[in-house]
Amino acid sequence: MSVAESWSRVMTLLREHAPADHADLPGPATEQTLAAAEERMGVSLPEDLRTWLLQNSLDLPEEDVDVMCCGFDGFPDEGSFFLGIRAMEKLYTNRSMPGGFDPPDQPDNPFWRNEWIPFLSDQDGWRGKFIDARDGRVGRWFVGDSTVTGEYESLAQYFDSVAHMLTKIADGNNPICKVAEGRLVWS
């Protein structure tokens, strides 16, 4: 399944089972916005990430941004936010290092590589998921812990896992989330 199909499945499930959350999501990014962000970051966005952002760039209005990272609270899970291109760029700029990786003396096992582009984060940028611009695999970081690369083979595979979670929530089979008044509610 392609990233566009996987994300469409997520959006269909969200629209059907949490329509109020779905209604809050903004529209797509533009090619011009993506190209400008790539130029400022100095890295090309992987095709899957570009495809996703052209469907939904989950940036909040600039006047609502007063934290390191931001997105839509409670989606895809409690405490994590899908990032729009502005938030990705901001977090990427905060994480990227001269020389390409951090720490500089551990090129084979770094905490962060400049080829990793965050697409999901907690509010403070301490943990989240990234897509590797070199091969499109999805990994995760947590400040103070080891970074995991290749947690998912692709962004599409990760979105399939989100769709699976939304299906379990809709079926009442998720112990920490339910839907109330058209919104995902985490306990």
N, C-alpha and C. Protein backbone atom coordinates (compact mmCIF):
# COMPACT_ATOMS: atom_id res chain seq x y z
N MET A 1 0.86 -1.18 0.00
CA MET A 1 0.00 0.00 0.00
C MET A 1 0.90 1.24 0.00
N SER A 2 0.53 2.24 -0.76
CA SER A 2 1.31 3.47 -0.84
C SER A 2 1.02 4.36 0.37
N VAL A 3 1.88 5.35 0.58
CA VAL A 3 1.67 6.28 1.69
C VAL A 3 0.37 7.06 1.51
N ALA A 4 0.03 7.41 0.26
CA ALA A 4 -1.23 8.12 0.01
C ALA A 4 -2.42 7.25 0.39
N GLU A 5 -2.38 5.97 0.04
CA GLU A 5 -3.47 5.06 0.39
C GLU A 5 -3.56 4.82 1.89
N SER A 6 -2.40 4.66 2.54
CA SER A 6 -2.39 4.44 3.99
C SER A 6 -2.93 5.65 4.74
N TRP A 7 -2.49 6.85 4.32
CA TRP A 7 -2.97 8.06 4.99
C TRP A 7 -4.46 8.26 4.72
N SER A 8 -4.89 7.96 3.51
CA SER A 8 -6.32 8.07 3.18
C SER A 8 -7.14 7.15 4.08
N ARG A 9 -6.64 5.96 4.32
CA ARG A 9 -7.32 5.02 5.24
C ARG A 9 -7.42 5.61 6.64
N VAL A 10 -6.33 6.22 7.13
CA VAL A 10 -6.35 6.87 8.44
C VAL A 10 -7.40 7.98 8.46
N MET A 11 -7.42 8.81 7.42
CA MET A 11 -8.37 9.92 7.38
C MET A 11 -9.81 9.43 7.29
N THR A 12 -10.05 8.36 6.56
CA THR A 12 -11.40 7.79 6.46
C THR A 12 -11.87 7.30 7.82
N LEU A 13 -11.00 6.58 8.52
CA LEU A 13 -11.35 6.09 9.86
C LEU A 13 -11.58 7.25 10.83
N LEU A 14 -10.73 8.26 10.77
CA LEU A 14 -10.89 9.41 11.65
C LEU A 14 -12.20 10.15 11.34
N ARG A 15 -12.49 10.35 10.05
CA ARG A 15 -13.72 11.03 9.65
C ARG A 15 -14.96 10.25 10.11
N GLU A 16 -14.92 8.92 9.99
CA GLU A 16 -16.06 8.08 10.38
C GLU A 16 -16.26 8.01 11.89
N HIS A 17 -15.16 7.91 12.63
CA HIS A 17 -15.28 7.60 14.06
C HIS A 17 -14.95 8.77 14.99
N ALA A 18 -14.23 9.75 14.52
CA ALA A 18 -13.92 10.94 15.32
C ALA A 18 -14.04 12.16 14.42
N PRO A 19 -15.26 12.44 13.94
CA PRO A 19 -15.44 13.50 12.96
C PRO A 19 -15.05 14.89 13.46
N ALA A 20 -15.18 15.16 14.73
CA ALA A 20 -14.78 16.48 15.25
C ALA A 20 -13.27 16.65 15.15
N ASP A 21 -12.51 15.59 15.48
CA ASP A 21 -11.06 15.66 15.31
C ASP A 21 -10.70 15.82 13.84
N HIS A 22 -11.37 15.06 12.98
CA HIS A 22 -11.09 15.15 11.55
C HIS A 22 -11.35 16.56 11.02
N ALA A 23 -12.41 17.18 11.47
CA ALA A 23 -12.77 18.52 11.00
C ALA A 23 -11.73 19.57 11.39
N ASP A 24 -10.97 19.32 12.44
CA ASP A 24 -9.95 20.27 12.89
C ASP A 24 -8.69 20.26 12.02
N LEU A 25 -8.51 19.23 11.22
CA LEU A 25 -7.27 19.11 10.45
C LEU A 25 -7.24 20.11 9.30
N PRO A 26 -6.09 20.77 9.11
CA PRO A 26 -5.98 21.75 8.03
C PRO A 26 -5.76 21.06 6.69
N GLY A 27 -5.65 21.86 5.68
CA GLY A 27 -5.46 21.35 4.33
C GLY A 27 -4.01 21.05 4.01
N PRO A 28 -3.72 20.84 2.77
CA PRO A 28 -2.39 20.42 2.34
C PRO A 28 -1.38 21.56 2.29
N ALA A 29 -0.11 21.15 2.31
CA ALA A 29 0.98 22.08 2.05
C ALA A 29 1.06 22.28 0.54
N THR A 30 1.81 23.27 0.12
CA THR A 30 2.03 23.48 -1.31
C THR A 30 3.44 23.06 -1.68
N GLU A 31 3.66 22.78 -2.95
CA GLU A 31 5.01 22.45 -3.43
C GLU A 31 5.98 23.58 -3.10
N GLN A 32 5.50 24.82 -3.24
CA GLN A 32 6.34 25.99 -2.96
C GLN A 32 6.77 26.01 -1.49
N THR A 33 5.87 25.71 -0.58
CA THR A 33 6.19 25.67 0.85
C THR A 33 7.21 24.58 1.14
N LEU A 34 7.02 23.41 0.53
CA LEU A 34 7.95 22.29 0.75
C LEU A 34 9.33 22.61 0.19
N ALA A 35 9.39 23.18 -0.99
CA ALA A 35 10.68 23.54 -1.61
C ALA A 35 11.43 24.56 -0.76
N ALA A 36 10.72 25.55 -0.23
CA ALA A 36 11.36 26.56 0.61
C ALA A 36 11.89 25.94 1.90
N ALA A 37 11.14 25.03 2.50
CA ALA A 37 11.59 24.35 3.72
C ALA A 37 12.82 23.49 3.44
N GLU A 38 12.80 22.77 2.33
CA GLU A 38 13.96 21.95 1.95
C GLU A 38 15.21 22.81 1.80
N GLU A 39 15.05 23.97 1.17
CA GLU A 39 16.19 24.85 0.97
C GLU A 39 16.73 25.35 2.31
N ARG A 40 15.86 25.75 3.22
CA ARG A 40 16.31 26.23 4.52
C ARG A 40 16.95 25.11 5.35
N MET A 41 16.40 23.89 5.26
CA MET A 41 16.93 22.77 6.04
C MET A 41 18.18 22.18 5.39
N GLY A 42 18.32 22.34 4.08
CA GLY A 42 19.46 21.77 3.39
C GLY A 42 19.35 20.27 3.17
N VAL A 43 18.14 19.76 3.12
CA VAL A 43 17.91 18.33 2.90
C VAL A 43 16.64 18.17 2.06
N SER A 44 16.66 17.17 1.18
CA SER A 44 15.47 16.89 0.37
C SER A 44 14.51 16.01 1.16
N LEU A 45 13.24 16.34 1.10
CA LEU A 45 12.24 15.53 1.78
C LEU A 45 12.06 14.22 1.02
N PRO A 46 12.00 13.09 1.73
CA PRO A 46 11.70 11.83 1.06
C PRO A 46 10.34 11.91 0.36
N GLU A 47 10.19 11.17 -0.73
CA GLU A 47 8.97 11.22 -1.52
C GLU A 47 7.73 10.91 -0.70
N ASP A 48 7.80 9.91 0.19
CA ASP A 48 6.64 9.57 1.03
C ASP A 48 6.24 10.73 1.93
N LEU A 49 7.23 11.40 2.51
CA LEU A 49 6.94 12.54 3.39
C LEU A 49 6.32 13.67 2.58
N ARG A 50 6.87 13.91 1.42
CA ARG A 50 6.34 14.96 0.52
C ARG A 50 4.89 14.64 0.15
N THR A 51 4.62 13.40 -0.21
CA THR A 51 3.26 12.98 -0.59
C THR A 51 2.29 13.22 0.56
N TRP A 52 2.71 12.85 1.77
CA TRP A 52 1.85 13.03 2.95
C TRP A 52 1.58 14.51 3.20
N LEU A 53 2.62 15.33 3.17
CA LEU A 53 2.45 16.77 3.43
C LEU A 53 1.59 17.45 2.38
N LEU A 54 1.61 16.94 1.16
CA LEU A 54 0.75 17.50 0.11
C LEU A 54 -0.71 17.10 0.30
N GLN A 55 -0.98 16.14 1.20
CA GLN A 55 -2.34 15.77 1.55
C GLN A 55 -2.80 16.51 2.80
N ASN A 56 -1.97 16.58 3.80
CA ASN A 56 -2.28 17.27 5.05
C ASN A 56 -1.00 17.80 5.66
N SER A 57 -0.85 19.10 5.73
CA SER A 57 0.25 19.69 6.49
C SER A 57 -0.36 20.15 7.80
N LEU A 58 0.00 19.48 8.86
CA LEU A 58 -0.72 19.66 10.12
C LEU A 58 -0.19 20.81 10.97
N ASP A 59 0.26 21.87 10.33
CA ASP A 59 0.71 23.05 11.07
C ASP A 59 -0.47 23.78 11.67
N LEU A 60 -0.28 24.23 12.90
CA LEU A 60 -1.24 25.14 13.52
C LEU A 60 -0.98 26.54 12.97
N PRO A 61 -1.95 27.44 13.08
CA PRO A 61 -1.69 28.83 12.70
C PRO A 61 -0.49 29.38 13.47
N GLU A 62 0.32 30.20 12.84
CA GLU A 62 1.56 30.70 13.47
C GLU A 62 1.31 31.36 14.81
N GLU A 63 0.19 32.04 14.98
CA GLU A 63 -0.06 32.73 16.25
C GLU A 63 -0.34 31.75 17.39
N ASP A 64 -0.64 30.47 17.07
CA ASP A 64 -0.89 29.47 18.10
C ASP A 64 0.36 28.69 18.49
N VAL A 65 1.50 29.01 17.89
CA VAL A 65 2.71 28.24 18.11
C VAL A 65 3.57 28.94 19.16
N ASP A 66 3.61 28.37 20.38
CA ASP A 66 4.46 28.93 21.42
C ASP A 66 5.25 27.85 22.15
N VAL A 67 5.33 26.66 21.55
CA VAL A 67 6.08 25.56 22.12
C VAL A 67 7.04 25.03 21.06
N MET A 68 7.95 24.15 21.47
CA MET A 68 8.92 23.60 20.53
C MET A 68 8.22 22.92 19.35
N CYS A 69 7.26 22.06 19.66
CA CYS A 69 6.54 21.34 18.62
C CYS A 69 5.06 21.44 18.90
N CYS A 70 4.30 21.37 17.87
CA CYS A 70 2.87 21.46 18.08
C CYS A 70 2.16 20.72 16.96
N GLY A 71 0.93 20.40 17.21
CA GLY A 71 0.13 19.71 16.23
C GLY A 71 -1.26 19.61 16.82
N PHE A 72 -1.88 18.49 16.60
CA PHE A 72 -3.24 18.32 17.06
C PHE A 72 -3.27 17.35 18.22
N ASP A 73 -3.52 17.87 19.42
CA ASP A 73 -3.50 17.11 20.66
C ASP A 73 -4.40 15.89 20.56
N GLY A 74 -3.87 14.74 20.96
CA GLY A 74 -4.66 13.52 21.00
C GLY A 74 -4.69 12.75 19.70
N PHE A 75 -3.91 13.13 18.73
CA PHE A 75 -3.85 12.39 17.48
C PHE A 75 -2.42 12.44 16.95
N PRO A 76 -1.76 11.34 16.82
CA PRO A 76 -2.25 9.96 16.78
C PRO A 76 -2.34 9.26 18.12
N ASP A 77 -1.81 9.86 19.17
CA ASP A 77 -1.97 9.28 20.50
C ASP A 77 -1.87 10.39 21.53
N GLU A 78 -2.07 10.04 22.77
CA GLU A 78 -2.02 11.04 23.83
C GLU A 78 -0.60 11.56 23.99
N GLY A 79 -0.42 12.85 23.86
CA GLY A 79 0.88 13.46 24.08
C GLY A 79 1.77 13.57 22.86
N SER A 80 1.39 13.00 21.73
CA SER A 80 2.18 13.12 20.49
C SER A 80 1.39 13.90 19.46
N PHE A 81 2.13 14.53 18.58
CA PHE A 81 1.55 15.37 17.55
C PHE A 81 2.17 15.06 16.20
N PHE A 82 1.33 14.87 15.18
CA PHE A 82 1.86 14.89 13.82
C PHE A 82 2.28 16.32 13.54
N LEU A 83 3.42 16.49 12.92
CA LEU A 83 3.96 17.82 12.66
C LEU A 83 3.64 18.27 11.24
N GLY A 84 3.37 19.55 11.10
CA GLY A 84 3.29 20.16 9.79
C GLY A 84 4.68 20.58 9.37
N ILE A 85 4.82 21.09 8.17
CA ILE A 85 6.15 21.40 7.63
C ILE A 85 6.87 22.47 8.45
N ARG A 86 6.18 23.48 8.95
CA ARG A 86 6.85 24.51 9.77
C ARG A 86 7.38 23.91 11.07
N ALA A 87 6.58 23.08 11.72
CA ALA A 87 7.02 22.45 12.97
C ALA A 87 8.15 21.47 12.70
N MET A 88 8.09 20.74 11.58
CA MET A 88 9.19 19.83 11.22
C MET A 88 10.48 20.61 11.06
N GLU A 89 10.37 21.70 10.33
CA GLU A 89 11.56 22.51 10.07
C GLU A 89 12.14 23.07 11.37
N LYS A 90 11.29 23.53 12.26
CA LYS A 90 11.74 24.09 13.53
C LYS A 90 12.46 23.03 14.36
N LEU A 91 11.87 21.84 14.48
CA LEU A 91 12.49 20.78 15.26
C LEU A 91 13.74 20.27 14.57
N TYR A 92 13.71 20.13 13.26
CA TYR A 92 14.88 19.69 12.51
C TYR A 92 16.05 20.65 12.75
N THR A 93 15.78 21.93 12.68
CA THR A 93 16.82 22.94 12.90
C THR A 93 17.40 22.83 14.31
N ASN A 94 16.56 22.54 15.27
CA ASN A 94 17.00 22.38 16.65
C ASN A 94 17.86 21.13 16.82
N ARG A 95 17.56 20.07 16.09
CA ARG A 95 18.26 18.79 16.24
C ARG A 95 19.51 18.66 15.36
N SER A 96 19.53 19.29 14.19
CA SER A 96 20.64 19.07 13.25
C SER A 96 21.94 19.63 13.82
N MET A 97 23.02 18.99 13.40
CA MET A 97 24.34 19.31 13.94
C MET A 97 25.36 19.56 12.84
N PRO A 98 26.31 20.46 13.07
CA PRO A 98 27.42 20.57 12.13
C PRO A 98 28.13 19.21 12.08
N GLY A 99 28.51 18.77 10.92
CA GLY A 99 29.14 17.47 10.79
C GLY A 99 28.16 16.35 10.49
N GLY A 100 26.87 16.58 10.72
CA GLY A 100 25.85 15.63 10.29
C GLY A 100 25.29 14.69 11.32
N PHE A 101 25.91 14.57 12.49
CA PHE A 101 25.35 13.67 13.49
C PHE A 101 25.77 14.09 14.89
N ASP A 102 25.03 13.60 15.86
CA ASP A 102 25.23 13.94 17.26
C ASP A 102 25.13 12.66 18.09
N PRO A 103 26.09 12.35 18.92
CA PRO A 103 27.34 13.08 19.17
C PRO A 103 28.35 12.88 18.04
N PRO A 104 29.24 13.86 17.86
CA PRO A 104 30.15 13.83 16.72
C PRO A 104 31.15 12.67 16.74
N ASP A 105 31.38 12.06 17.89
CA ASP A 105 32.34 10.95 17.97
C ASP A 105 31.68 9.58 17.81
N GLN A 106 30.38 9.54 17.45
CA GLN A 106 29.69 8.27 17.29
C GLN A 106 28.94 8.21 15.95
N PRO A 107 29.65 8.26 14.84
CA PRO A 107 28.96 8.28 13.53
C PRO A 107 28.18 6.99 13.23
N ASP A 108 28.55 5.87 13.84
CA ASP A 108 27.86 4.62 13.56
C ASP A 108 26.66 4.37 14.47
N ASN A 109 26.56 5.11 15.56
CA ASN A 109 25.45 4.94 16.49
C ASN A 109 25.08 6.29 17.12
N PRO A 110 24.67 7.24 16.27
CA PRO A 110 24.39 8.58 16.81
C PRO A 110 23.02 8.66 17.47
N PHE A 111 22.87 9.67 18.29
CA PHE A 111 21.55 10.00 18.82
C PHE A 111 20.72 10.65 17.71
N TRP A 112 21.37 11.43 16.88
CA TRP A 112 20.66 12.13 15.80
C TRP A 112 21.55 12.24 14.57
N ARG A 113 20.95 12.07 13.38
CA ARG A 113 21.62 12.29 12.09
C ARG A 113 20.84 13.37 11.35
N ASN A 114 21.54 14.19 10.60
CA ASN A 114 20.87 15.26 9.86
C ASN A 114 19.97 14.73 8.75
N GLU A 115 20.10 13.47 8.38
CA GLU A 115 19.22 12.88 7.36
C GLU A 115 17.87 12.47 7.94
N TRP A 116 17.70 12.57 9.24
CA TRP A 116 16.45 12.18 9.89
C TRP A 116 15.54 13.40 9.99
N ILE A 117 14.34 13.30 9.45
CA ILE A 117 13.40 14.42 9.45
C ILE A 117 12.23 14.05 10.36
N PRO A 118 12.04 14.80 11.44
CA PRO A 118 10.95 14.48 12.37
C PRO A 118 9.59 14.75 11.74
N PHE A 119 8.62 13.87 12.00
CA PHE A 119 7.25 14.10 11.53
C PHE A 119 6.23 13.94 12.65
N LEU A 120 6.68 13.51 13.82
CA LEU A 120 5.81 13.34 14.98
C LEU A 120 6.66 13.62 16.21
N SER A 121 6.08 14.32 17.18
CA SER A 121 6.86 14.68 18.37
C SER A 121 5.93 14.92 19.54
N ASP A 122 6.53 14.88 20.74
CA ASP A 122 5.80 15.38 21.89
C ASP A 122 5.92 16.90 21.87
N GLN A 123 5.27 17.55 22.79
CA GLN A 123 5.21 19.02 22.77
C GLN A 123 6.57 19.68 22.92
N ASP A 124 7.47 19.04 23.67
CA ASP A 124 8.76 19.66 23.94
C ASP A 124 9.88 19.21 23.01
N GLY A 125 9.59 18.31 22.09
CA GLY A 125 10.60 17.82 21.17
C GLY A 125 11.56 16.83 21.80
N TRP A 126 11.18 16.21 22.90
CA TRP A 126 12.04 15.25 23.59
C TRP A 126 11.95 13.86 23.01
N ARG A 127 10.83 13.54 22.37
CA ARG A 127 10.67 12.21 21.78
C ARG A 127 9.78 12.33 20.55
N GLY A 128 9.93 11.38 19.68
CA GLY A 128 9.10 11.39 18.49
C GLY A 128 9.55 10.39 17.46
N LYS A 129 9.04 10.55 16.26
CA LYS A 129 9.37 9.68 15.14
C LYS A 129 9.93 10.53 14.00
N PHE A 130 10.81 9.89 13.23
CA PHE A 130 11.43 10.56 12.09
C PHE A 130 11.43 9.63 10.90
N ILE A 131 11.57 10.22 9.72
CA ILE A 131 11.76 9.45 8.50
C ILE A 131 13.19 9.70 8.04
N ASP A 132 13.88 8.63 7.69
CA ASP A 132 15.27 8.71 7.25
C ASP A 132 15.27 9.10 5.77
N ALA A 133 15.83 10.25 5.46
CA ALA A 133 15.85 10.74 4.08
C ALA A 133 16.69 9.85 3.17
N ARG A 134 17.55 9.02 3.75
CA ARG A 134 18.40 8.14 2.94
C ARG A 134 17.64 6.94 2.38
N ASP A 135 16.71 6.37 3.18
CA ASP A 135 16.05 5.13 2.73
C ASP A 135 14.55 5.08 3.00
N GLY A 136 13.98 6.13 3.60
CA GLY A 136 12.53 6.19 3.82
C GLY A 136 12.02 5.41 5.02
N ARG A 137 12.94 4.77 5.77
CA ARG A 137 12.49 4.02 6.95
C ARG A 137 12.14 5.00 8.08
N VAL A 138 11.27 4.54 8.97
CA VAL A 138 10.81 5.35 10.10
C VAL A 138 11.47 4.84 11.38
N GLY A 139 11.99 5.78 12.15
CA GLY A 139 12.60 5.46 13.44
C GLY A 139 12.03 6.34 14.53
N ARG A 140 12.56 6.17 15.75
CA ARG A 140 12.08 6.99 16.87
C ARG A 140 13.26 7.40 17.74
N TRP A 141 13.10 8.57 18.36
CA TRP A 141 14.11 9.04 19.29
C TRP A 141 13.44 9.37 20.61
N PHE A 142 14.25 9.36 21.65
CA PHE A 142 13.84 9.79 22.98
C PHE A 142 15.09 10.34 23.64
N VAL A 143 15.09 11.61 24.02
CA VAL A 143 16.26 12.24 24.61
C VAL A 143 16.67 11.44 25.85
N GLY A 144 17.93 11.08 25.90
CA GLY A 144 18.46 10.34 27.02
C GLY A 144 18.39 8.83 26.84
N ASP A 145 17.89 8.37 25.69
CA ASP A 145 17.79 6.95 25.42
C ASP A 145 18.32 6.69 24.01
N SER A 146 18.50 5.45 23.67
CA SER A 146 18.99 5.09 22.34
C SER A 146 17.95 5.41 21.27
N THR A 147 18.43 5.86 20.13
CA THR A 147 17.56 6.09 18.98
C THR A 147 17.35 4.75 18.28
N VAL A 148 16.12 4.51 17.85
CA VAL A 148 15.79 3.27 17.14
C VAL A 148 15.58 3.62 15.67
N THR A 149 16.34 2.99 14.80
CA THR A 149 16.17 3.20 13.37
C THR A 149 15.43 2.00 12.79
N GLY A 150 14.69 2.21 11.74
CA GLY A 150 14.01 1.12 11.06
C GLY A 150 12.88 0.48 11.86
N GLU A 151 12.23 1.25 12.72
CA GLU A 151 11.09 0.73 13.47
C GLU A 151 9.97 0.31 12.51
N TYR A 152 9.81 1.07 11.43
CA TYR A 152 8.89 0.75 10.34
C TYR A 152 9.67 0.86 9.04
N GLU A 153 9.35 0.02 8.09
CA GLU A 153 10.05 0.03 6.81
C GLU A 153 9.72 1.26 5.97
N SER A 154 8.57 1.88 6.25
CA SER A 154 8.15 3.04 5.46
C SER A 154 7.12 3.85 6.24
N LEU A 155 6.88 5.05 5.75
CA LEU A 155 5.84 5.88 6.32
C LEU A 155 4.47 5.24 6.12
N ALA A 156 4.28 4.58 4.98
CA ALA A 156 3.02 3.87 4.72
C ALA A 156 2.79 2.78 5.76
N GLN A 157 3.83 2.04 6.10
CA GLN A 157 3.69 0.98 7.11
C GLN A 157 3.34 1.60 8.48
N TYR A 158 3.96 2.73 8.81
CA TYR A 158 3.62 3.40 10.06
C TYR A 158 2.14 3.84 10.05
N PHE A 159 1.69 4.46 8.95
CA PHE A 159 0.29 4.89 8.88
C PHE A 159 -0.67 3.70 8.94
N ASP A 160 -0.25 2.55 8.40
CA ASP A 160 -1.07 1.34 8.54
C ASP A 160 -1.24 0.98 10.01
N SER A 161 -0.18 1.16 10.82
CA SER A 161 -0.29 0.87 12.25
C SER A 161 -1.24 1.86 12.94
N VAL A 162 -1.24 3.11 12.49
CA VAL A 162 -2.17 4.10 13.05
C VAL A 162 -3.61 3.73 12.67
N ALA A 163 -3.81 3.30 11.42
CA ALA A 163 -5.15 2.86 10.99
C ALA A 163 -5.61 1.66 11.81
N HIS A 164 -4.70 0.74 12.08
CA HIS A 164 -5.03 -0.43 12.91
C HIS A 164 -5.46 0.02 14.31
N MET A 165 -4.72 0.97 14.89
CA MET A 165 -5.06 1.49 16.21
C MET A 165 -6.44 2.17 16.18
N LEU A 166 -6.71 2.97 15.15
CA LEU A 166 -8.01 3.64 15.04
C LEU A 166 -9.15 2.63 14.90
N THR A 167 -8.90 1.54 14.19
CA THR A 167 -9.90 0.48 14.05
C THR A 167 -10.20 -0.15 15.41
N LYS A 168 -9.16 -0.41 16.18
CA LYS A 168 -9.35 -0.98 17.53
C LYS A 168 -10.13 -0.01 18.42
N ILE A 169 -9.83 1.27 18.32
CA ILE A 169 -10.56 2.28 19.10
C ILE A 169 -12.03 2.29 18.69
N ALA A 170 -12.28 2.29 17.39
CA ALA A 170 -13.67 2.32 16.88
C ALA A 170 -14.44 1.09 17.32
N ASP A 171 -13.75 -0.06 17.42
CA ASP A 171 -14.39 -1.31 17.84
C ASP A 171 -14.53 -1.42 19.35
N GLY A 172 -14.00 -0.43 20.09
CA GLY A 172 -14.04 -0.48 21.55
C GLY A 172 -13.01 -1.42 22.14
N ASN A 173 -11.96 -1.73 21.37
CA ASN A 173 -10.93 -2.68 21.81
C ASN A 173 -9.61 -2.03 22.16
N ASN A 174 -9.62 -0.77 22.52
CA ASN A 174 -8.41 -0.09 22.94
C ASN A 174 -8.62 0.35 24.39
N PRO A 175 -7.81 -0.17 25.32
CA PRO A 175 -8.05 0.12 26.74
C PRO A 175 -7.75 1.55 27.17
N ILE A 176 -7.03 2.31 26.34
CA ILE A 176 -6.67 3.66 26.77
C ILE A 176 -7.28 4.78 25.95
N CYS A 177 -8.12 4.42 24.98
CA CYS A 177 -8.74 5.46 24.17
C CYS A 177 -10.15 5.04 23.77
N LYS A 178 -11.02 6.04 23.75
CA LYS A 178 -12.38 5.83 23.26
C LYS A 178 -12.77 7.08 22.48
N VAL A 179 -13.94 7.04 21.87
CA VAL A 179 -14.45 8.20 21.14
C VAL A 179 -15.63 8.75 21.92
N ALA A 180 -15.59 10.06 22.18
CA ALA A 180 -16.70 10.73 22.85
C ALA A 180 -16.95 12.05 22.14
N GLU A 181 -18.20 12.30 21.78
CA GLU A 181 -18.61 13.53 21.11
C GLU A 181 -17.74 13.80 19.88
N GLY A 182 -17.43 12.75 19.14
CA GLY A 182 -16.69 12.89 17.89
C GLY A 182 -15.20 13.12 18.03
N ARG A 183 -14.66 12.90 19.24
CA ARG A 183 -13.23 13.12 19.48
C ARG A 183 -12.61 11.91 20.14
N LEU A 184 -11.32 11.69 19.85
CA LEU A 184 -10.56 10.66 20.55
C LEU A 184 -10.29 11.16 21.96
N VAL A 185 -10.59 10.32 22.94
CA VAL A 185 -10.38 10.69 24.34
C VAL A 185 -9.48 9.63 24.97
N TRP A 186 -8.33 10.07 25.45
CA TRP A 186 -7.34 9.16 26.04
C TRP A 186 -7.47 9.17 27.55
N SER A 187 -7.31 8.00 28.14
CA SER A 187 -7.39 7.93 29.61
C SER A 187 -6.03 7.79 30.23
